[in-house]
Amino acid sequence: MNVLTNRVTTNPNVMMGKPTIRGLRITVEQILRALAAGVPPEDLLEDYPELEPEDLLAVFAFAGDLVSETRVYPVAA
């Protein structure tokens, strides 16, 4: 696990248990969707002053860890 992913937390009492940034009410999903929609990272940091640049890197590290755990198994027809 990447050290940055320690910035990503889950708590069943915060945002219904979705992964958030440092326990804030800002989800990993929210950041990824904004970036995928073309919102520049600088705008996110301005819109959410509680975010730090390392938080955005942590989102990518977290997503990378999830993708690396994905396994695809062939199914016999």
PDB file of N, CA and C in Angstrom:
ATOM      1  N   MET A   1       0.851  -1.185   0.000  1.00  0.00           N
ATOM      2  CA  MET A   1       0.000   0.000   0.000  1.00  0.00           C
ATOM      3  C   MET A   1       0.891   1.242   0.000  1.00  0.00           C
ATOM      4  N   ASN A   2       0.503   2.196  -0.754  1.00  0.00           N
ATOM      5  CA  ASN A   2       1.236   3.446  -0.882  1.00  0.00           C
ATOM      6  C   ASN A   2       1.011   4.313   0.354  1.00  0.00           C
ATOM      7  N   VAL A   3       2.067   4.979   0.806  1.00  0.00           N
ATOM      8  CA  VAL A   3       1.967   5.854   1.986  1.00  0.00           C
ATOM      9  C   VAL A   3       0.907   6.926   1.798  1.00  0.00           C
ATOM     10  N   LEU A   4       0.752   7.425   0.571  1.00  0.00           N
ATOM     11  CA  LEU A   4      -0.251   8.458   0.315  1.00  0.00           C
ATOM     12  C   LEU A   4      -1.656   7.959   0.605  1.00  0.00           C
ATOM     13  N   THR A   5      -1.904   6.663   0.408  1.00  0.00           N
ATOM     14  CA  THR A   5      -3.263   6.163   0.601  1.00  0.00           C
ATOM     15  C   THR A   5      -3.701   6.239   2.058  1.00  0.00           C
ATOM     16  N   ASN A   6      -2.785   6.530   2.977  1.00  0.00           N
ATOM     17  CA  ASN A   6      -3.181   6.750   4.371  1.00  0.00           C
ATOM     18  C   ASN A   6      -4.059   7.994   4.500  1.00  0.00           C
ATOM     19  N   ARG A   7      -4.023   8.862   3.500  1.00  0.00           N
ATOM     20  CA  ARG A   7      -4.871  10.053   3.488  1.00  0.00           C
ATOM     21  C   ARG A   7      -6.319   9.699   3.138  1.00  0.00           C
ATOM     22  N   VAL A   8      -6.531   8.518   2.605  1.00  0.00           N
ATOM     23  CA  VAL A   8      -7.871   8.062   2.248  1.00  0.00           C
ATOM     24  C   VAL A   8      -8.400   7.234   3.412  1.00  0.00           C
ATOM     25  N   THR A   9      -9.546   7.646   3.935  1.00  0.00           N
ATOM     26  CA  THR A   9     -10.107   6.968   5.100  1.00  0.00           C
ATOM     27  C   THR A   9     -11.541   6.527   4.818  1.00  0.00           C
ATOM     28  N   THR A  10     -11.976   5.561   5.586  1.00  0.00           N
ATOM     29  CA  THR A  10     -13.379   5.138   5.523  1.00  0.00           C
ATOM     30  C   THR A  10     -13.931   5.112   6.932  1.00  0.00           C
ATOM     31  N   ASN A  11     -15.163   5.550   7.038  1.00  0.00           N
ATOM     32  CA  ASN A  11     -15.857   5.572   8.317  1.00  0.00           C
ATOM     33  C   ASN A  11     -17.332   5.398   7.998  1.00  0.00           C
ATOM     34  N   PRO A  12     -17.969   4.386   8.560  1.00  0.00           N
ATOM     35  CA  PRO A  12     -19.379   4.159   8.238  1.00  0.00           C
ATOM     36  C   PRO A  12     -20.278   5.349   8.569  1.00  0.00           C
ATOM     37  N   ASN A  13     -19.810   6.257   9.411  1.00  0.00           N
ATOM     38  CA  ASN A  13     -20.606   7.418   9.789  1.00  0.00           C
ATOM     39  C   ASN A  13     -20.322   8.659   8.946  1.00  0.00           C
ATOM     40  N   VAL A  14     -19.411   8.530   8.007  1.00  0.00           N
ATOM     41  CA  VAL A  14     -19.062   9.657   7.132  1.00  0.00           C
ATOM     42  C   VAL A  14     -19.304   9.239   5.689  1.00  0.00           C
ATOM     43  N   MET A  15     -20.181   9.943   5.016  1.00  0.00           N
ATOM     44  CA  MET A  15     -20.497   9.705   3.605  1.00  0.00           C
ATOM     45  C   MET A  15     -20.858   8.237   3.330  1.00  0.00           C
ATOM     46  N   MET A  16     -21.587   7.650   4.257  1.00  0.00           N
ATOM     47  CA  MET A  16     -22.079   6.277   4.125  1.00  0.00           C
ATOM     48  C   MET A  16     -20.956   5.259   3.952  1.00  0.00           C
ATOM     49  N   GLY A  17     -19.792   5.569   4.511  1.00  0.00           N
ATOM     50  CA  GLY A  17     -18.683   4.626   4.472  1.00  0.00           C
ATOM     51  C   GLY A  17     -17.840   4.661   3.215  1.00  0.00           C
ATOM     52  N   LYS A  18     -18.159   5.569   2.297  1.00  0.00           N
ATOM     53  CA  LYS A  18     -17.346   5.674   1.086  1.00  0.00           C
ATOM     54  C   LYS A  18     -15.957   6.195   1.446  1.00  0.00           C
ATOM     55  N   PRO A  19     -14.945   5.834   0.669  1.00  0.00           N
ATOM     56  CA  PRO A  19     -13.605   6.372   0.932  1.00  0.00           C
ATOM     57  C   PRO A  19     -13.599   7.893   0.780  1.00  0.00           C
ATOM     58  N   THR A  20     -13.071   8.565   1.801  1.00  0.00           N
ATOM     59  CA  THR A  20     -13.002  10.024   1.802  1.00  0.00           C
ATOM     60  C   THR A  20     -11.564  10.475   2.013  1.00  0.00           C
ATOM     61  N   ILE A  21     -11.343  11.754   1.804  1.00  0.00           N
ATOM     62  CA  ILE A  21     -10.041  12.339   2.030  1.00  0.00           C
ATOM     63  C   ILE A  21      -9.938  12.776   3.489  1.00  0.00           C
ATOM     64  N   ARG A  22      -9.054  12.140   4.226  1.00  0.00           N
ATOM     65  CA  ARG A  22      -8.756  12.491   5.622  1.00  0.00           C
ATOM     66  C   ARG A  22      -9.995  12.675   6.490  1.00  0.00           C
ATOM     67  N   GLY A  23     -11.031  11.891   6.235  1.00  0.00           N
ATOM     68  CA  GLY A  23     -12.228  11.985   7.051  1.00  0.00           C
ATOM     69  C   GLY A  23     -13.107  13.175   6.733  1.00  0.00           C
ATOM     70  N   LEU A  24     -12.714  13.964   5.749  1.00  0.00           N
ATOM     71  CA  LEU A  24     -13.545  15.091   5.323  1.00  0.00           C
ATOM     72  C   LEU A  24     -14.748  14.553   4.565  1.00  0.00           C
ATOM     73  N   ARG A  25     -15.686  15.373   4.302  1.00  0.00           N
ATOM     74  CA  ARG A  25     -16.865  14.951   3.553  1.00  0.00           C
ATOM     75  C   ARG A  25     -16.639  15.147   2.054  1.00  0.00           C
ATOM     76  N   ILE A  26     -15.447  14.798   1.624  1.00  0.00           N
ATOM     77  CA  ILE A  26     -15.060  14.846   0.215  1.00  0.00           C
ATOM     78  C   ILE A  26     -14.634  13.426  -0.153  1.00  0.00           C
ATOM     79  N   THR A  27     -15.379  12.791  -1.069  1.00  0.00           N
ATOM     80  CA  THR A  27     -15.100  11.393  -1.392  1.00  0.00           C
ATOM     81  C   THR A  27     -14.074  11.269  -2.513  1.00  0.00           C
ATOM     82  N   VAL A  28     -13.426  10.120  -2.512  1.00  0.00           N
ATOM     83  CA  VAL A  28     -12.504   9.773  -3.596  1.00  0.00           C
ATOM     84  C   VAL A  28     -13.273   9.799  -4.915  1.00  0.00           C
ATOM     85  N   GLU A  29     -14.466   9.247  -4.910  1.00  0.00           N
ATOM     86  CA  GLU A  29     -15.298   9.220  -6.114  1.00  0.00           C
ATOM     87  C   GLU A  29     -15.553  10.639  -6.629  1.00  0.00           C
ATOM     88  N   GLN A  30     -15.882  11.539  -5.740  1.00  0.00           N
ATOM     89  CA  GLN A  30     -16.165  12.927  -6.104  1.00  0.00           C
ATOM     90  C   GLN A  30     -14.955  13.558  -6.801  1.00  0.00           C
ATOM     91  N   ILE A  31     -13.772  13.338  -6.260  1.00  0.00           N
ATOM     92  CA  ILE A  31     -12.554  13.900  -6.849  1.00  0.00           C
ATOM     93  C   ILE A  31     -12.282  13.271  -8.211  1.00  0.00           C
ATOM     94  N   LEU A  32     -12.378  11.949  -8.296  1.00  0.00           N
ATOM     95  CA  LEU A  32     -12.117  11.269  -9.565  1.00  0.00           C
ATOM     96  C   LEU A  32     -13.102  11.708 -10.648  1.00  0.00           C
ATOM     97  N   ARG A  33     -14.371  11.812 -10.289  1.00  0.00           N
ATOM     98  CA  ARG A  33     -15.370  12.236 -11.288  1.00  0.00           C
ATOM     99  C   ARG A  33     -15.126  13.669 -11.744  1.00  0.00           C
ATOM    100  N   ALA A  34     -14.749  14.539 -10.830  1.00  0.00           N
ATOM    101  CA  ALA A  34     -14.464  15.926 -11.202  1.00  0.00           C
ATOM    102  C   ALA A  34     -13.268  15.985 -12.150  1.00  0.00           C
ATOM    103  N   LEU A  35     -12.213  15.262 -11.824  1.00  0.00           N
ATOM    104  CA  LEU A  35     -11.032  15.254 -12.689  1.00  0.00           C
ATOM    105  C   LEU A  35     -11.347  14.643 -14.051  1.00  0.00           C
ATOM    106  N   ALA A  36     -12.136  13.563 -14.056  1.00  0.00           N
ATOM    107  CA  ALA A  36     -12.521  12.925 -15.317  1.00  0.00           C
ATOM    108  C   ALA A  36     -13.381  13.847 -16.175  1.00  0.00           C
ATOM    109  N   ALA A  37     -14.113  14.743 -15.531  1.00  0.00           N
ATOM    110  CA  ALA A  37     -14.950  15.699 -16.261  1.00  0.00           C
ATOM    111  C   ALA A  37     -14.148  16.896 -16.764  1.00  0.00           C
ATOM    112  N   GLY A  38     -12.861  16.911 -16.441  1.00  0.00           N
ATOM    113  CA  GLY A  38     -12.011  17.985 -16.937  1.00  0.00           C
ATOM    114  C   GLY A  38     -11.756  19.124 -15.980  1.00  0.00           C
ATOM    115  N   VAL A  39     -12.199  18.986 -14.744  1.00  0.00           N
ATOM    116  CA  VAL A  39     -11.934  20.038 -13.761  1.00  0.00           C
ATOM    117  C   VAL A  39     -10.434  20.012 -13.444  1.00  0.00           C
ATOM    118  N   PRO A  40      -9.744  21.111 -13.637  1.00  0.00           N
ATOM    119  CA  PRO A  40      -8.310  21.130 -13.339  1.00  0.00           C
ATOM    120  C   PRO A  40      -8.051  20.953 -11.837  1.00  0.00           C
ATOM    121  N   PRO A  41      -6.967  20.259 -11.496  1.00  0.00           N
ATOM    122  CA  PRO A  41      -6.643  20.069 -10.076  1.00  0.00           C
ATOM    123  C   PRO A  41      -6.568  21.388  -9.306  1.00  0.00           C
ATOM    124  N   GLU A  42      -6.056  22.429  -9.946  1.00  0.00           N
ATOM    125  CA  GLU A  42      -5.949  23.730  -9.282  1.00  0.00           C
ATOM    126  C   GLU A  42      -7.326  24.253  -8.876  1.00  0.00           C
ATOM    127  N   ASP A  43      -8.323  24.011  -9.736  1.00  0.00           N
ATOM    128  CA  ASP A  43      -9.686  24.446  -9.412  1.00  0.00           C
ATOM    129  C   ASP A  43     -10.246  23.674  -8.217  1.00  0.00           C
ATOM    130  N   LEU A  44      -9.964  22.373  -8.164  1.00  0.00           N
ATOM    131  CA  LEU A  44     -10.432  21.577  -7.027  1.00  0.00           C
ATOM    132  C   LEU A  44      -9.819  22.086  -5.723  1.00  0.00           C
ATOM    133  N   LEU A  45      -8.530  22.387  -5.780  1.00  0.00           N
ATOM    134  CA  LEU A  45      -7.859  22.894  -4.575  1.00  0.00           C
ATOM    135  C   LEU A  45      -8.399  24.254  -4.168  1.00  0.00           C
ATOM    136  N   GLU A  46      -8.823  25.040  -5.140  1.00  0.00           N
ATOM    137  CA  GLU A  46      -9.410  26.349  -4.834  1.00  0.00           C
ATOM    138  C   GLU A  46     -10.840  26.197  -4.305  1.00  0.00           C
ATOM    139  N   ASP A  47     -11.606  25.287  -4.937  1.00  0.00           N
ATOM    140  CA  ASP A  47     -12.997  25.074  -4.527  1.00  0.00           C
ATOM    141  C   ASP A  47     -13.106  24.408  -3.153  1.00  0.00           C
ATOM    142  N   TYR A  48     -12.120  23.595  -2.824  1.00  0.00           N
ATOM    143  CA  TYR A  48     -12.095  22.878  -1.547  1.00  0.00           C
ATOM    144  C   TYR A  48     -10.803  23.248  -0.820  1.00  0.00           C
ATOM    145  N   PRO A  49     -10.762  24.388  -0.141  1.00  0.00           N
ATOM    146  CA  PRO A  49      -9.522  24.854   0.481  1.00  0.00           C
ATOM    147  C   PRO A  49      -8.955  23.894   1.531  1.00  0.00           C
ATOM    148  N   GLU A  50      -9.774  22.981   2.037  1.00  0.00           N
ATOM    149  CA  GLU A  50      -9.277  22.020   3.013  1.00  0.00           C
ATOM    150  C   GLU A  50      -8.451  20.911   2.363  1.00  0.00           C
ATOM    151  N   LEU A  51      -8.551  20.787   1.031  1.00  0.00           N
ATOM    152  CA  LEU A  51      -7.745  19.805   0.312  1.00  0.00           C
ATOM    153  C   LEU A  51      -6.316  20.290   0.164  1.00  0.00           C
ATOM    154  N   GLU A  52      -5.405  19.338   0.150  1.00  0.00           N
ATOM    155  CA  GLU A  52      -3.994  19.612  -0.074  1.00  0.00           C
ATOM    156  C   GLU A  52      -3.571  18.883  -1.346  1.00  0.00           C
ATOM    157  N   PRO A  53      -2.550  19.367  -2.036  1.00  0.00           N
ATOM    158  CA  PRO A  53      -2.108  18.698  -3.268  1.00  0.00           C
ATOM    159  C   PRO A  53      -1.837  17.201  -3.066  1.00  0.00           C
ATOM    160  N   GLU A  54      -1.307  16.835  -1.916  1.00  0.00           N
ATOM    161  CA  GLU A  54      -1.033  15.428  -1.636  1.00  0.00           C
ATOM    162  C   GLU A  54      -2.314  14.599  -1.591  1.00  0.00           C
ATOM    163  N   ASP A  55      -3.435  15.233  -1.261  1.00  0.00           N
ATOM    164  CA  ASP A  55      -4.715  14.517  -1.244  1.00  0.00           C
ATOM    165  C   ASP A  55      -5.084  14.044  -2.640  1.00  0.00           C
ATOM    166  N   LEU A  56      -4.832  14.871  -3.639  1.00  0.00           N
ATOM    167  CA  LEU A  56      -5.139  14.478  -5.013  1.00  0.00           C
ATOM    168  C   LEU A  56      -4.236  13.317  -5.435  1.00  0.00           C
ATOM    169  N   LEU A  57      -2.978  13.365  -5.048  1.00  0.00           N
ATOM    170  CA  LEU A  57      -2.082  12.246  -5.345  1.00  0.00           C
ATOM    171  C   LEU A  57      -2.552  10.979  -4.637  1.00  0.00           C
ATOM    172  N   ALA A  58      -3.062  11.138  -3.426  1.00  0.00           N
ATOM    173  CA  ALA A  58      -3.566   9.991  -2.669  1.00  0.00           C
ATOM    174  C   ALA A  58      -4.757   9.351  -3.363  1.00  0.00           C
ATOM    175  N   VAL A  59      -5.606  10.166  -3.985  1.00  0.00           N
ATOM    176  CA  VAL A  59      -6.753   9.631  -4.731  1.00  0.00           C
ATOM    177  C   VAL A  59      -6.261   8.727  -5.855  1.00  0.00           C
ATOM    178  N   PHE A  60      -5.244   9.189  -6.582  1.00  0.00           N
ATOM    179  CA  PHE A  60      -4.696   8.374  -7.671  1.00  0.00           C
ATOM    180  C   PHE A  60      -4.038   7.104  -7.138  1.00  0.00           C
ATOM    181  N   ALA A  61      -3.302   7.217  -6.046  1.00  0.00           N
ATOM    182  CA  ALA A  61      -2.659   6.051  -5.457  1.00  0.00           C
ATOM    183  C   ALA A  61      -3.705   5.036  -4.995  1.00  0.00           C
ATOM    184  N   PHE A  62      -4.770   5.525  -4.377  1.00  0.00           N
ATOM    185  CA  PHE A  62      -5.849   4.656  -3.908  1.00  0.00           C
ATOM    186  C   PHE A  62      -6.507   3.938  -5.084  1.00  0.00           C
ATOM    187  N   ALA A  63      -6.817   4.688  -6.136  1.00  0.00           N
ATOM    188  CA  ALA A  63      -7.434   4.089  -7.326  1.00  0.00           C
ATOM    189  C   ALA A  63      -6.492   3.068  -7.956  1.00  0.00           C
ATOM    190  N   GLY A  64      -5.209   3.393  -7.998  1.00  0.00           N
ATOM    191  CA  GLY A  64      -4.229   2.456  -8.550  1.00  0.00           C
ATOM    192  C   GLY A  64      -4.166   1.169  -7.754  1.00  0.00           C
ATOM    193  N   ASP A  65      -4.219   1.280  -6.431  1.00  0.00           N
ATOM    194  CA  ASP A  65      -4.227   0.089  -5.586  1.00  0.00           C
ATOM    195  C   ASP A  65      -5.456  -0.771  -5.863  1.00  0.00           C
ATOM    196  N   LEU A  66      -6.601  -0.136  -6.033  1.00  0.00           N
ATOM    197  CA  LEU A  66      -7.823  -0.900  -6.322  1.00  0.00           C
ATOM    198  C   LEU A  66      -7.730  -1.620  -7.656  1.00  0.00           C
ATOM    199  N   VAL A  67      -7.226  -0.928  -8.661  1.00  0.00           N
ATOM    200  CA  VAL A  67      -7.096  -1.540  -9.982  1.00  0.00           C
ATOM    201  C   VAL A  67      -6.089  -2.688  -9.940  1.00  0.00           C
ATOM    202  N   SER A  68      -5.019  -2.526  -9.195  1.00  0.00           N
ATOM    203  CA  SER A  68      -4.000  -3.586  -9.137  1.00  0.00           C
ATOM    204  C   SER A  68      -4.539  -4.845  -8.480  1.00  0.00           C
ATOM    205  N   GLU A  69      -5.567  -4.708  -7.662  1.00  0.00           N
ATOM    206  CA  GLU A  69      -6.166  -5.873  -6.991  1.00  0.00           C
ATOM    207  C   GLU A  69      -7.203  -6.576  -7.849  1.00  0.00           C
ATOM    208  N   THR A  70      -7.573  -5.978  -8.968  1.00  0.00           N
ATOM    209  CA  THR A  70      -8.589  -6.569  -9.840  1.00  0.00           C
ATOM    210  C   THR A  70      -8.002  -7.774 -10.559  1.00  0.00           C
ATOM    211  N   ARG A  71      -8.717  -8.858 -10.538  1.00  0.00           N
ATOM    212  CA  ARG A  71      -8.306 -10.080 -11.225  1.00  0.00           C
ATOM    213  C   ARG A  71      -9.394 -10.480 -12.206  1.00  0.00           C
ATOM    214  N   VAL A  72      -8.966 -10.925 -13.370  1.00  0.00           N
ATOM    215  CA  VAL A  72      -9.896 -11.397 -14.391  1.00  0.00           C
ATOM    216  C   VAL A  72      -9.603 -12.878 -14.621  1.00  0.00           C
ATOM    217  N   TYR A  73     -10.633 -13.662 -14.537  1.00  0.00           N
ATOM    218  CA  TYR A  73     -10.493 -15.105 -14.700  1.00  0.00           C
ATOM    219  C   TYR A  73     -11.275 -15.550 -15.927  1.00  0.00           C
ATOM    220  N   PRO A  74     -10.663 -16.384 -16.765  1.00  0.00           N
ATOM    221  CA  PRO A  74     -11.390 -16.864 -17.939  1.00  0.00           C
ATOM    222  C   PRO A  74     -12.531 -17.808 -17.510  1.00  0.00           C
ATOM    223  N   VAL A  75     -13.593 -17.722 -18.258  1.00  0.00           N
ATOM    224  CA  VAL A  75     -14.737 -18.591 -18.013  1.00  0.00           C
ATOM    225  C   VAL A  75     -14.865 -19.546 -19.189  1.00  0.00           C
ATOM    226  N   ALA A  76     -14.868 -20.809 -18.904  1.00  0.00           N
ATOM    227  CA  ALA A  76     -14.988 -21.805 -19.974  1.00  0.00           C
ATOM    228  C   ALA A  76     -16.398 -21.781 -20.518  1.00  0.00           C
ATOM    229  N   ALA A  77     -16.485 -21.804 -21.842  1.00  0.00           N
ATOM    230  CA  ALA A  77     -17.810 -21.757 -22.478  1.00  0.00           C
ATOM    231  C   ALA A  77     -18.450 -23.110 -22.538  1.00  0.00           C
TER     232      ALA A  77
END
